[in-house]
């Protein structure tokens, strides 16, 4: 949780005027990663699959947060991240 949040802070770095928003988004990403890790501990899931799933969730949440902070979040961007997530989930669950 802490590592995911700190990496998200580094990736979402913004000018001082928007620092509170970027820290808030990074905290939400860190908490989400912690909750997902906690849930995966109770699920019979391979180590590689769990790691790939965590990376996918981190990638999607961080990417959407970056787009939001830049003011470029649109329905096209949501479709793009959704399509990438679906393809990646198919690959992860087929391993």
PDB file of N, CA and C in Angstrom:
ATOM      1  N   UNK A   1       0.827  -1.179   0.000  1.00  0.00           N
ATOM      2  CA  UNK A   1       0.000   0.000   0.000  1.00  0.00           C
ATOM      3  C   UNK A   1       0.881   1.256   0.000  1.00  0.00           C
ATOM      4  N   UNK A   2       1.864   1.287   0.876  1.00  0.00           N
ATOM      5  CA  UNK A   2       2.728   2.461   0.956  1.00  0.00           C
ATOM      6  C   UNK A   2       3.589   2.609  -0.294  1.00  0.00           C
ATOM      7  N   UNK A   3       4.112   1.496  -0.789  1.00  0.00           N
ATOM      8  CA  UNK A   3       4.952   1.558  -1.987  1.00  0.00           C
ATOM      9  C   UNK A   3       4.129   2.020  -3.184  1.00  0.00           C
ATOM     10  N   UNK A   4       2.939   1.457  -3.351  1.00  0.00           N
ATOM     11  CA  UNK A   4       2.071   1.880  -4.449  1.00  0.00           C
ATOM     12  C   UNK A   4       1.700   3.344  -4.355  1.00  0.00           C
ATOM     13  N   UNK A   5       1.429   3.813  -3.155  1.00  0.00           N
ATOM     14  CA  UNK A   5       1.097   5.222  -2.974  1.00  0.00           C
ATOM     15  C   UNK A   5       2.264   6.145  -3.265  1.00  0.00           C
ATOM     16  N   UNK A   6       3.460   5.750  -2.848  1.00  0.00           N
ATOM     17  CA  UNK A   6       4.634   6.596  -3.098  1.00  0.00           C
ATOM     18  C   UNK A   6       5.020   6.612  -4.578  1.00  0.00           C
ATOM     19  N   UNK A   7       4.888   5.479  -5.245  1.00  0.00           N
ATOM     20  CA  UNK A   7       5.152   5.460  -6.690  1.00  0.00           C
ATOM     21  C   UNK A   7       4.121   6.318  -7.410  1.00  0.00           C
ATOM     22  N   UNK A   8       2.873   6.252  -6.956  1.00  0.00           N
ATOM     23  CA  UNK A   8       1.827   7.083  -7.565  1.00  0.00           C
ATOM     24  C   UNK A   8       2.107   8.563  -7.332  1.00  0.00           C
ATOM     25  N   UNK A   9       2.620   8.923  -6.162  1.00  0.00           N
ATOM     26  CA  UNK A   9       2.982  10.331  -5.895  1.00  0.00           C
ATOM     27  C   UNK A   9       4.053  10.783  -6.879  1.00  0.00           C
ATOM     28  N   UNK A  10       5.038   9.922  -7.113  1.00  0.00           N
ATOM     29  CA  UNK A  10       6.114  10.285  -8.036  1.00  0.00           C
ATOM     30  C   UNK A  10       5.594  10.429  -9.464  1.00  0.00           C
ATOM     31  N   UNK A  11       4.662   9.568  -9.862  1.00  0.00           N
ATOM     32  CA  UNK A  11       4.130   9.625 -11.224  1.00  0.00           C
ATOM     33  C   UNK A  11       3.137  10.763 -11.427  1.00  0.00           C
ATOM     34  N   UNK A  12       2.446  11.148 -10.382  1.00  0.00           N
ATOM     35  CA  UNK A  12       1.411  12.172 -10.495  1.00  0.00           C
ATOM     36  C   UNK A  12       1.900  13.554 -10.076  1.00  0.00           C
ATOM     37  N   UNK A  13       3.192  13.745 -10.014  1.00  0.00           N
ATOM     38  CA  UNK A  13       3.766  15.016  -9.575  1.00  0.00           C
ATOM     39  C   UNK A  13       3.223  16.168 -10.418  1.00  0.00           C
ATOM     40  N   UNK A  14       2.755  17.208  -9.740  1.00  0.00           N
ATOM     41  CA  UNK A  14       2.137  18.368 -10.381  1.00  0.00           C
ATOM     42  C   UNK A  14       2.758  19.652  -9.822  1.00  0.00           C
ATOM     43  N   UNK A  15       2.461  20.787 -10.461  1.00  0.00           N
ATOM     44  CA  UNK A  15       2.921  22.069  -9.901  1.00  0.00           C
ATOM     45  C   UNK A  15       2.325  22.303  -8.506  1.00  0.00           C
ATOM     46  N   UNK A  16       2.943  23.168  -7.726  1.00  0.00           N
ATOM     47  CA  UNK A  16       2.484  23.389  -6.345  1.00  0.00           C
ATOM     48  C   UNK A  16       1.004  23.759  -6.214  1.00  0.00           C
ATOM     49  N   UNK A  17       0.431  24.370  -7.226  1.00  0.00           N
ATOM     50  CA  UNK A  17      -0.982  24.763  -7.141  1.00  0.00           C
ATOM     51  C   UNK A  17      -1.906  23.548  -7.098  1.00  0.00           C
ATOM     52  N   UNK A  18      -1.494  22.423  -7.660  1.00  0.00           N
ATOM     53  CA  UNK A  18      -2.344  21.225  -7.713  1.00  0.00           C
ATOM     54  C   UNK A  18      -1.785  20.077  -6.902  1.00  0.00           C
ATOM     55  N   UNK A  19      -0.888  20.368  -5.982  1.00  0.00           N
ATOM     56  CA  UNK A  19      -0.222  19.318  -5.225  1.00  0.00           C
ATOM     57  C   UNK A  19      -1.196  18.551  -4.333  1.00  0.00           C
ATOM     58  N   UNK A  20      -2.181  19.227  -3.770  1.00  0.00           N
ATOM     59  CA  UNK A  20      -3.147  18.554  -2.898  1.00  0.00           C
ATOM     60  C   UNK A  20      -3.952  17.521  -3.675  1.00  0.00           C
ATOM     61  N   UNK A  21      -4.361  17.866  -4.884  1.00  0.00           N
ATOM     62  CA  UNK A  21      -5.126  16.934  -5.707  1.00  0.00           C
ATOM     63  C   UNK A  21      -4.293  15.715  -6.069  1.00  0.00           C
ATOM     64  N   UNK A  22      -3.046  15.922  -6.434  1.00  0.00           N
ATOM     65  CA  UNK A  22      -2.205  14.791  -6.814  1.00  0.00           C
ATOM     66  C   UNK A  22      -1.919  13.885  -5.611  1.00  0.00           C
ATOM     67  N   UNK A  23      -1.726  14.476  -4.430  1.00  0.00           N
ATOM     68  CA  UNK A  23      -1.517  13.661  -3.231  1.00  0.00           C
ATOM     69  C   UNK A  23      -2.775  12.887  -2.861  1.00  0.00           C
ATOM     70  N   UNK A  24      -3.934  13.501  -3.037  1.00  0.00           N
ATOM     71  CA  UNK A  24      -5.191  12.817  -2.741  1.00  0.00           C
ATOM     72  C   UNK A  24      -5.401  11.635  -3.686  1.00  0.00           C
ATOM     73  N   UNK A  25      -5.155  11.852  -4.965  1.00  0.00           N
ATOM     74  CA  UNK A  25      -5.288  10.754  -5.932  1.00  0.00           C
ATOM     75  C   UNK A  25      -4.281   9.646  -5.650  1.00  0.00           C
ATOM     76  N   UNK A  26      -3.067  10.004  -5.284  1.00  0.00           N
ATOM     77  CA  UNK A  26      -2.058   9.000  -4.950  1.00  0.00           C
ATOM     78  C   UNK A  26      -2.453   8.208  -3.708  1.00  0.00           C
ATOM     79  N   UNK A  27      -3.060   8.871  -2.736  1.00  0.00           N
ATOM     80  CA  UNK A  27      -3.525   8.165  -1.539  1.00  0.00           C
ATOM     81  C   UNK A  27      -4.639   7.187  -1.880  1.00  0.00           C
ATOM     82  N   UNK A  28      -5.549   7.587  -2.754  1.00  0.00           N
ATOM     83  CA  UNK A  28      -6.631   6.689  -3.175  1.00  0.00           C
ATOM     84  C   UNK A  28      -6.051   5.488  -3.924  1.00  0.00           C
ATOM     85  N   UNK A  29      -5.059   5.732  -4.776  1.00  0.00           N
ATOM     86  CA  UNK A  29      -4.426   4.628  -5.497  1.00  0.00           C
ATOM     87  C   UNK A  29      -3.716   3.693  -4.519  1.00  0.00           C
ATOM     88  N   UNK A  30      -2.993   4.243  -3.565  1.00  0.00           N
ATOM     89  CA  UNK A  30      -2.320   3.417  -2.565  1.00  0.00           C
ATOM     90  C   UNK A  30      -3.290   2.589  -1.741  1.00  0.00           C
ATOM     91  N   UNK A  31      -4.369   3.202  -1.305  1.00  0.00           N
ATOM     92  CA  UNK A  31      -5.386   2.454  -0.547  1.00  0.00           C
ATOM     93  C   UNK A  31      -6.034   1.377  -1.388  1.00  0.00           C
ATOM     94  N   UNK A  32      -6.278   1.669  -2.659  1.00  0.00           N
ATOM     95  CA  UNK A  32      -6.865   0.665  -3.556  1.00  0.00           C
ATOM     96  C   UNK A  32      -5.919  -0.515  -3.746  1.00  0.00           C
ATOM     97  N   UNK A  33      -4.635  -0.226  -3.885  1.00  0.00           N
ATOM     98  CA  UNK A  33      -3.663  -1.303  -4.039  1.00  0.00           C
ATOM     99  C   UNK A  33      -3.588  -2.153  -2.766  1.00  0.00           C
ATOM    100  N   UNK A  34      -3.642  -1.511  -1.615  1.00  0.00           N
ATOM    101  CA  UNK A  34      -3.639  -2.250  -0.358  1.00  0.00           C
ATOM    102  C   UNK A  34      -4.864  -3.140  -0.209  1.00  0.00           C
ATOM    103  N   UNK A  35      -6.017  -2.622  -0.559  1.00  0.00           N
ATOM    104  CA  UNK A  35      -7.242  -3.413  -0.472  1.00  0.00           C
ATOM    105  C   UNK A  35      -7.218  -4.592  -1.439  1.00  0.00           C
ATOM    106  N   UNK A  36      -6.716  -4.358  -2.649  1.00  0.00           N
ATOM    107  CA  UNK A  36      -6.635  -5.442  -3.628  1.00  0.00           C
ATOM    108  C   UNK A  36      -5.639  -6.504  -3.179  1.00  0.00           C
ATOM    109  N   UNK A  37      -4.518  -6.087  -2.614  1.00  0.00           N
ATOM    110  CA  UNK A  37      -3.539  -7.051  -2.098  1.00  0.00           C
ATOM    111  C   UNK A  37      -4.146  -7.884  -0.986  1.00  0.00           C
ATOM    112  N   UNK A  38      -4.878  -7.238  -0.101  1.00  0.00           N
ATOM    113  CA  UNK A  38      -5.539  -7.939   0.994  1.00  0.00           C
ATOM    114  C   UNK A  38      -6.540  -8.961   0.460  1.00  0.00           C
ATOM    115  N   UNK A  39      -7.312  -8.578  -0.562  1.00  0.00           N
ATOM    116  CA  UNK A  39      -8.291  -9.505  -1.138  1.00  0.00           C
ATOM    117  C   UNK A  39      -7.601 -10.661  -1.854  1.00  0.00           C
ATOM    118  N   UNK A  40      -6.501 -10.385  -2.542  1.00  0.00           N
ATOM    119  CA  UNK A  40      -5.797 -11.450  -3.261  1.00  0.00           C
ATOM    120  C   UNK A  40      -5.153 -12.457  -2.317  1.00  0.00           C
ATOM    121  N   UNK A  41      -4.867 -12.047  -1.087  1.00  0.00           N
ATOM    122  CA  UNK A  41      -4.299 -12.988  -0.115  1.00  0.00           C
ATOM    123  C   UNK A  41      -5.286 -14.088   0.251  1.00  0.00           C
ATOM    124  N   UNK A  42      -6.572 -13.835   0.129  1.00  0.00           N
ATOM    125  CA  UNK A  42      -7.589 -14.829   0.460  1.00  0.00           C
ATOM    126  C   UNK A  42      -8.072 -15.616  -0.748  1.00  0.00           C
ATOM    127  N   UNK A  43      -7.571 -15.289  -1.924  1.00  0.00           N
ATOM    128  CA  UNK A  43      -8.026 -15.919  -3.148  1.00  0.00           C
ATOM    129  C   UNK A  43      -6.956 -16.892  -3.616  1.00  0.00           C
ATOM    130  N   UNK A  44      -7.343 -18.059  -4.054  1.00  0.00           N
ATOM    131  CA  UNK A  44      -6.396 -19.033  -4.579  1.00  0.00           C
ATOM    132  C   UNK A  44      -6.010 -18.591  -5.981  1.00  0.00           C
ATOM    133  N   UNK A  45      -4.902 -17.880  -6.053  1.00  0.00           N
ATOM    134  CA  UNK A  45      -4.464 -17.253  -7.290  1.00  0.00           C
ATOM    135  C   UNK A  45      -2.955 -17.397  -7.358  1.00  0.00           C
ATOM    136  N   UNK A  46      -2.419 -17.683  -8.525  1.00  0.00           N
ATOM    137  CA  UNK A  46      -0.977 -17.828  -8.668  1.00  0.00           C
ATOM    138  C   UNK A  46      -0.246 -16.519  -8.402  1.00  0.00           C
ATOM    139  N   UNK A  47       1.006 -16.643  -8.016  1.00  0.00           N
ATOM    140  CA  UNK A  47       1.793 -15.465  -7.687  1.00  0.00           C
ATOM    141  C   UNK A  47       1.972 -14.549  -8.895  1.00  0.00           C
ATOM    142  N   UNK A  48       2.271 -15.139 -10.053  1.00  0.00           N
ATOM    143  CA  UNK A  48       2.449 -14.346 -11.264  1.00  0.00           C
ATOM    144  C   UNK A  48       1.153 -13.640 -11.646  1.00  0.00           C
ATOM    145  N   UNK A  49       0.051 -14.355 -11.584  1.00  0.00           N
ATOM    146  CA  UNK A  49      -1.245 -13.764 -11.928  1.00  0.00           C
ATOM    147  C   UNK A  49      -1.616 -12.637 -10.971  1.00  0.00           C
ATOM    148  N   UNK A  50      -1.360 -12.828  -9.690  1.00  0.00           N
ATOM    149  CA  UNK A  50      -1.673 -11.789  -8.705  1.00  0.00           C
ATOM    150  C   UNK A  50      -0.819 -10.545  -8.949  1.00  0.00           C
ATOM    151  N   UNK A  51       0.460 -10.740  -9.230  1.00  0.00           N
ATOM    152  CA  UNK A  51       1.332  -9.608  -9.506  1.00  0.00           C
ATOM    153  C   UNK A  51       0.919  -8.859 -10.764  1.00  0.00           C
ATOM    154  N   UNK A  52       0.556  -9.601 -11.797  1.00  0.00           N
ATOM    155  CA  UNK A  52       0.102  -8.958 -13.033  1.00  0.00           C
ATOM    156  C   UNK A  52      -1.202  -8.204 -12.825  1.00  0.00           C
ATOM    157  N   UNK A  53      -2.095  -8.766 -12.025  1.00  0.00           N
ATOM    158  CA  UNK A  53      -3.356  -8.096 -11.738  1.00  0.00           C
ATOM    159  C   UNK A  53      -3.120  -6.806 -10.944  1.00  0.00           C
ATOM    160  N   UNK A  54      -2.232  -6.858  -9.968  1.00  0.00           N
ATOM    161  CA  UNK A  54      -1.887  -5.648  -9.213  1.00  0.00           C
ATOM    162  C   UNK A  54      -1.269  -4.587 -10.123  1.00  0.00           C
ATOM    163  N   UNK A  55      -0.388  -5.012 -11.008  1.00  0.00           N
ATOM    164  CA  UNK A  55       0.240  -4.063 -11.928  1.00  0.00           C
ATOM    165  C   UNK A  55      -0.788  -3.456 -12.866  1.00  0.00           C
ATOM    166  N   UNK A  56      -1.730  -4.259 -13.354  1.00  0.00           N
ATOM    167  CA  UNK A  56      -2.768  -3.756 -14.244  1.00  0.00           C
ATOM    168  C   UNK A  56      -3.641  -2.718 -13.548  1.00  0.00           C
ATOM    169  N   UNK A  57      -4.067  -3.000 -12.342  1.00  0.00           N
ATOM    170  CA  UNK A  57      -4.899  -2.052 -11.597  1.00  0.00           C
ATOM    171  C   UNK A  57      -4.128  -0.764 -11.330  1.00  0.00           C
ATOM    172  N   UNK A  58      -2.859  -0.889 -10.961  1.00  0.00           N
ATOM    173  CA  UNK A  58      -2.036   0.303 -10.731  1.00  0.00           C
ATOM    174  C   UNK A  58      -1.894   1.109 -12.019  1.00  0.00           C
ATOM    175  N   UNK A  59      -1.660   0.435 -13.127  1.00  0.00           N
ATOM    176  CA  UNK A  59      -1.503   1.101 -14.422  1.00  0.00           C
ATOM    177  C   UNK A  59      -2.767   1.866 -14.799  1.00  0.00           C
ATOM    178  N   UNK A  60      -3.912   1.226 -14.656  1.00  0.00           N
ATOM    179  CA  UNK A  60      -5.176   1.867 -15.039  1.00  0.00           C
ATOM    180  C   UNK A  60      -5.489   3.044 -14.116  1.00  0.00           C
ATOM    181  N   UNK A  61      -5.372   2.855 -12.815  1.00  0.00           N
ATOM    182  CA  UNK A  61      -5.688   3.938 -11.884  1.00  0.00           C
ATOM    183  C   UNK A  61      -4.739   5.124 -12.040  1.00  0.00           C
ATOM    184  N   UNK A  62      -3.455   4.850 -12.204  1.00  0.00           N
ATOM    185  CA  UNK A  62      -2.486   5.928 -12.369  1.00  0.00           C
ATOM    186  C   UNK A  62      -2.678   6.631 -13.707  1.00  0.00           C
ATOM    187  N   UNK A  63      -2.927   5.873 -14.751  1.00  0.00           N
ATOM    188  CA  UNK A  63      -3.137   6.481 -16.063  1.00  0.00           C
ATOM    189  C   UNK A  63      -4.369   7.370 -16.101  1.00  0.00           C
ATOM    190  N   UNK A  64      -5.467   6.888 -15.525  1.00  0.00           N
ATOM    191  CA  UNK A  64      -6.676   7.707 -15.486  1.00  0.00           C
ATOM    192  C   UNK A  64      -6.485   8.946 -14.619  1.00  0.00           C
ATOM    193  N   UNK A  65      -5.745   8.811 -13.525  1.00  0.00           N
ATOM    194  CA  UNK A  65      -5.472   9.964 -12.665  1.00  0.00           C
ATOM    195  C   UNK A  65      -4.610  10.994 -13.384  1.00  0.00           C
ATOM    196  N   UNK A  66      -3.610  10.535 -14.137  1.00  0.00           N
ATOM    197  CA  UNK A  66      -2.779  11.461 -14.901  1.00  0.00           C
ATOM    198  C   UNK A  66      -3.602  12.212 -15.931  1.00  0.00           C
ATOM    199  N   UNK A  67      -4.472  11.501 -16.625  1.00  0.00           N
ATOM    200  CA  UNK A  67      -5.316  12.150 -17.620  1.00  0.00           C
ATOM    201  C   UNK A  67      -6.234  13.177 -16.968  1.00  0.00           C
ATOM    202  N   UNK A  68      -6.757  12.851 -15.781  1.00  0.00           N
ATOM    203  CA  UNK A  68      -7.618  13.793 -15.058  1.00  0.00           C
ATOM    204  C   UNK A  68      -6.846  15.049 -14.644  1.00  0.00           C
ATOM    205  N   UNK A  69      -5.634  14.861 -14.137  1.00  0.00           N
ATOM    206  CA  UNK A  69      -4.836  16.000 -13.703  1.00  0.00           C
ATOM    207  C   UNK A  69      -4.427  16.902 -14.877  1.00  0.00           C
ATOM    208  N   UNK A  70      -4.243  16.316 -16.050  1.00  0.00           N
ATOM    209  CA  UNK A  70      -3.893  17.109 -17.229  1.00  0.00           C
ATOM    210  C   UNK A  70      -5.120  17.736 -17.883  1.00  0.00           C
ATOM    211  N   UNK A  71      -6.315  17.342 -17.435  1.00  0.00           N
ATOM    212  CA  UNK A  71      -7.538  17.874 -18.013  1.00  0.00           C
ATOM    213  C   UNK A  71      -7.897  17.254 -19.345  1.00  0.00           C
ATOM    214  N   UNK A  72      -7.384  16.049 -19.612  1.00  0.00           N
ATOM    215  CA  UNK A  72      -7.617  15.385 -20.893  1.00  0.00           C
ATOM    216  C   UNK A  72      -8.452  14.120 -20.762  1.00  0.00           C
ATOM    217  N   UNK A  73      -9.108  13.940 -19.638  1.00  0.00           N
ATOM    218  CA  UNK A  73      -9.913  12.747 -19.433  1.00  0.00           C
ATOM    219  C   UNK A  73     -11.203  12.866 -20.238  1.00  0.00           C
ATOM    220  N   UNK A  74     -11.377  11.955 -21.177  1.00  0.00           N
ATOM    221  CA  UNK A  74     -12.558  11.980 -22.034  1.00  0.00           C
ATOM    222  C   UNK A  74     -13.100  10.558 -22.146  1.00  0.00           C
ATOM    223  N   UNK A  75     -14.219  10.439 -22.812  1.00  0.00           N
ATOM    224  CA  UNK A  75     -14.804   9.104 -22.994  1.00  0.00           C
ATOM    225  C   UNK A  75     -13.902   8.234 -23.862  1.00  0.00           C
ATOM    226  N   UNK A  76     -13.192   8.842 -24.793  1.00  0.00           N
ATOM    227  CA  UNK A  76     -12.257   8.071 -25.629  1.00  0.00           C
ATOM    228  C   UNK A  76     -11.133   7.493 -24.778  1.00  0.00           C
ATOM    229  N   UNK A  77     -10.636   8.274 -23.846  1.00  0.00           N
ATOM    230  CA  UNK A  77      -9.586   7.808 -22.951  1.00  0.00           C
ATOM    231  C   UNK A  77     -10.101   6.675 -22.067  1.00  0.00           C
ATOM    232  N   UNK A  78     -11.321   6.809 -21.577  1.00  0.00           N
ATOM    233  CA  UNK A  78     -11.908   5.749 -20.756  1.00  0.00           C
ATOM    234  C   UNK A  78     -12.067   4.461 -21.560  1.00  0.00           C
ATOM    235  N   UNK A  79     -12.496   4.575 -22.803  1.00  0.00           N
ATOM    236  CA  UNK A  79     -12.621   3.399 -23.665  1.00  0.00           C
ATOM    237  C   UNK A  79     -11.263   2.759 -23.922  1.00  0.00           C
ATOM    238  N   UNK A  80     -10.256   3.591 -24.122  1.00  0.00           N
ATOM    239  CA  UNK A  80      -8.910   3.069 -24.366  1.00  0.00           C
ATOM    240  C   UNK A  80      -8.394   2.280 -23.163  1.00  0.00           C
ATOM    241  N   UNK A  81      -8.484   2.865 -21.974  1.00  0.00           N
ATOM    242  CA  UNK A  81      -8.033   2.162 -20.780  1.00  0.00           C
ATOM    243  C   UNK A  81      -8.898   0.936 -20.498  1.00  0.00           C
ATOM    244  N   UNK A  82     -10.195   1.021 -20.785  1.00  0.00           N
ATOM    245  CA  UNK A  82     -11.072  -0.131 -20.600  1.00  0.00           C
ATOM    246  C   UNK A  82     -10.715  -1.275 -21.522  1.00  0.00           C
ATOM    247  N   UNK A  83     -10.409  -0.964 -22.778  1.00  0.00           N
ATOM    248  CA  UNK A  83     -10.035  -2.005 -23.737  1.00  0.00           C
ATOM    249  C   UNK A  83      -8.719  -2.657 -23.346  1.00  0.00           C
ATOM    250  N   UNK A  84      -7.758  -1.849 -22.925  1.00  0.00           N
ATOM    251  CA  UNK A  84      -6.479  -2.401 -22.480  1.00  0.00           C
ATOM    252  C   UNK A  84      -6.686  -3.296 -21.264  1.00  0.00           C
ATOM    253  N   UNK A  85      -7.527  -2.869 -20.337  1.00  0.00           N
ATOM    254  CA  UNK A  85      -7.781  -3.656 -19.131  1.00  0.00           C
ATOM    255  C   UNK A  85      -8.453  -4.984 -19.464  1.00  0.00           C
ATOM    256  N   UNK A  86      -9.414  -4.967 -20.380  1.00  0.00           N
ATOM    257  CA  UNK A  86     -10.109  -6.211 -20.743  1.00  0.00           C
ATOM    258  C   UNK A  86      -9.148  -7.187 -21.403  1.00  0.00           C
ATOM    259  N   UNK A  87      -8.344  -6.707 -22.341  1.00  0.00           N
ATOM    260  CA  UNK A  87      -7.377  -7.584 -23.012  1.00  0.00           C
ATOM    261  C   UNK A  87      -6.375  -8.133 -21.994  1.00  0.00           C
ATOM    262  N   UNK A  88      -5.891  -7.288 -21.106  1.00  0.00           N
ATOM    263  CA  UNK A  88      -4.941  -7.734 -20.104  1.00  0.00           C
ATOM    264  C   UNK A  88      -5.567  -8.747 -19.132  1.00  0.00           C
ATOM    265  N   UNK A  89      -6.818  -8.533 -18.754  1.00  0.00           N
ATOM    266  CA  UNK A  89      -7.498  -9.495 -17.884  1.00  0.00           C
ATOM    267  C   UNK A  89      -7.662 -10.844 -18.557  1.00  0.00           C
ATOM    268  N   UNK A  90      -7.970 -10.848 -19.838  1.00  0.00           N
ATOM    269  CA  UNK A  90      -8.079 -12.109 -20.574  1.00  0.00           C
ATOM    270  C   UNK A  90      -6.742 -12.837 -20.570  1.00  0.00           C
ATOM    271  N   UNK A  91      -5.670 -12.097 -20.789  1.00  0.00           N
ATOM    272  CA  UNK A  91      -4.333 -12.703 -20.779  1.00  0.00           C
ATOM    273  C   UNK A  91      -3.985 -13.210 -19.385  1.00  0.00           C
ATOM    274  N   UNK A  92      -4.255 -12.410 -18.366  1.00  0.00           N
ATOM    275  CA  UNK A  92      -3.909 -12.815 -16.995  1.00  0.00           C
ATOM    276  C   UNK A  92      -4.664 -14.064 -16.588  1.00  0.00           C
ATOM    277  N   UNK A  93      -5.961 -14.135 -16.871  1.00  0.00           N
ATOM    278  CA  UNK A  93      -6.751 -15.283 -16.448  1.00  0.00           C
ATOM    279  C   UNK A  93      -6.535 -16.505 -17.318  1.00  0.00           C
ATOM    280  N   UNK A  94      -5.895 -16.338 -18.485  1.00  0.00           N
ATOM    281  CA  UNK A  94      -5.616 -17.507 -19.316  1.00  0.00           C
ATOM    282  C   UNK A  94      -4.262 -18.125 -18.997  1.00  0.00           C
ATOM    283  N   UNK A  95      -3.444 -17.461 -18.165  1.00  0.00           N
ATOM    284  CA  UNK A  95      -2.135 -18.024 -17.778  1.00  0.00           C
ATOM    285  C   UNK A  95      -2.293 -19.148 -16.797  1.00  0.00           C
TER     286      UNK A  95
END
